[in-house]
Protein backbone atom coordinates (compact mmCIF):
# COMPACT_ATOMS: atom_id res chain seq x y z
CA UNK A 1 37.35 -49.97 -44.21
CA UNK A 2 39.94 -48.31 -41.00
CA UNK A 3 38.55 -48.27 -37.64
CA UNK A 4 40.31 -46.01 -35.43
CA UNK A 5 41.51 -42.33 -35.46
CA UNK A 6 42.55 -40.88 -38.73
CA UNK A 7 44.92 -38.99 -38.35
CA UNK A 8 44.72 -36.96 -41.36
CA UNK A 9 41.12 -35.26 -42.93
CA UNK A 10 38.83 -37.72 -44.62
CA UNK A 11 39.87 -36.06 -48.40
CA UNK A 12 43.53 -37.11 -47.75
CA UNK A 13 42.50 -40.74 -46.53
CA UNK A 14 44.76 -42.91 -49.53
CA UNK A 15 47.63 -41.17 -47.89
CA UNK A 16 46.95 -40.64 -44.56
CA UNK A 17 47.78 -42.97 -41.98
CA UNK A 18 44.75 -44.64 -39.69
CA UNK A 19 45.75 -45.56 -36.19
CA UNK A 20 43.30 -48.65 -34.60
CA UNK A 21 43.61 -51.38 -32.05
CA UNK A 22 45.76 -54.18 -32.09
CA UNK A 23 44.31 -57.48 -33.97
CA UNK A 24 45.70 -61.10 -34.17
CA UNK A 25 45.24 -60.69 -38.21
CA UNK A 26 47.99 -57.98 -38.02
CA UNK A 27 50.83 -60.77 -36.84
CA UNK A 28 52.43 -61.51 -39.48
CA UNK A 29 52.80 -57.73 -41.05
CA UNK A 30 54.75 -57.17 -37.82
CA UNK A 31 56.66 -59.93 -37.73
CA UNK A 32 57.67 -58.23 -41.56
CA UNK A 33 57.57 -54.64 -40.04
CA UNK A 34 60.57 -56.00 -37.52
CA UNK A 35 62.42 -58.19 -39.58
CA UNK A 36 66.36 -58.87 -39.62
CA UNK A 37 66.03 -56.41 -36.78
CA UNK A 38 64.68 -58.95 -33.87
CA UNK A 39 68.02 -59.46 -32.72
CA UNK A 40 68.96 -56.15 -32.23
CA UNK A 41 65.91 -54.83 -30.69
CA UNK A 42 65.98 -58.31 -27.86
CA UNK A 43 69.57 -56.43 -26.90
CA UNK A 44 68.00 -53.24 -26.41
CA UNK A 45 64.69 -54.24 -25.49
CA UNK A 46 65.07 -57.47 -24.25
CA UNK A 47 63.45 -60.93 -25.22
CA UNK A 48 59.92 -60.40 -26.81
CA UNK A 49 57.31 -62.56 -28.65
CA UNK A 50 54.86 -60.66 -30.68
CA UNK A 51 52.14 -63.04 -29.85
CA UNK A 52 52.06 -62.61 -26.45
CA UNK A 53 52.47 -58.60 -27.13
CA UNK A 54 49.03 -58.70 -29.25
CA UNK A 55 47.13 -61.21 -26.98
CA UNK A 56 48.43 -59.36 -23.79
CA UNK A 57 48.87 -56.15 -23.74
CA UNK A 58 46.65 -53.69 -22.11
CA UNK A 59 46.81 -51.53 -25.07
CA UNK A 60 48.21 -52.13 -28.16
CA UNK A 61 47.89 -50.53 -31.40
CA UNK A 62 48.53 -50.75 -35.58
CA UNK A 63 49.20 -48.04 -37.83
CA UNK A 64 48.09 -48.65 -41.23
CA UNK A 65 48.53 -46.55 -43.98
CA UNK A 66 45.47 -45.91 -46.81
CA UNK A 67 45.80 -49.30 -48.46
CA UNK A 68 45.73 -50.81 -45.23
CA UNK A 69 49.40 -51.88 -45.10
CA UNK A 70 50.62 -52.13 -41.02
CA UNK A 71 53.67 -48.96 -41.00
CA UNK A 72 53.19 -49.29 -36.95
CA UNK A 73 52.83 -51.17 -33.64
CA UNK A 74 53.15 -51.04 -30.46
CA UNK A 75 52.10 -52.16 -27.31
CA UNK A 76 51.65 -51.21 -23.61
CA UNK A 77 51.06 -52.89 -20.79
CA UNK A 78 49.85 -51.48 -17.29
CA UNK A 79 53.34 -53.39 -15.72
CA UNK A 80 57.15 -52.40 -16.40
CA UNK A 81 59.00 -55.07 -18.37
CA UNK A 82 62.04 -55.95 -16.16
CA UNK A 83 62.82 -59.27 -16.32
CA UNK A 84 61.40 -62.83 -16.83
CA UNK A 85 61.32 -63.56 -13.13
CA UNK A 86 59.33 -60.71 -11.07
CA UNK A 87 55.51 -61.31 -12.16
CA UNK A 88 53.63 -58.90 -13.30
CA UNK A 89 52.19 -58.58 -9.90
CA UNK A 90 55.16 -58.19 -8.31
CA UNK A 91 56.76 -54.83 -9.76
CA UNK A 92 55.55 -52.66 -7.21
CA UNK A 93 57.67 -54.21 -4.21
CA UNK A 94 60.38 -54.78 -6.95
CA UNK A 95 60.75 -51.68 -6.98
CA UNK A 96 60.67 -50.83 -3.45
CA UNK A 97 63.11 -53.62 -2.79
CA UNK A 98 65.17 -52.47 -5.54
CA UNK A 99 64.87 -48.53 -4.64
CA UNK A 100 64.08 -47.86 -1.34
CA UNK A 101 61.59 -45.86 -1.73
CA UNK A 102 57.75 -46.24 -0.62
CA UNK A 103 56.59 -44.24 -3.49
CA UNK A 104 57.98 -46.01 -6.69
């Protein structure tokens, strides 16, 4: 059984891609997707913790294939990932102080 939006027609269910909200049970499969790329991803996007992302993202989505295998993951937060020293609630002030424009 797949929950979430179906990206293909019902007749194509075995080969389709399904998108649903992420669950903690997805954790091992997401780590497997990352695999040996974790160092590269950390350099590119900064330090990340998959457990924290699954538990705290405003929206976490997992893409699964027709067999139920996790083939993709995305986590969206309602604040930018700046630096660990900046509290998530303080980012509007940080943007204004850093860029000097009140609309940021």
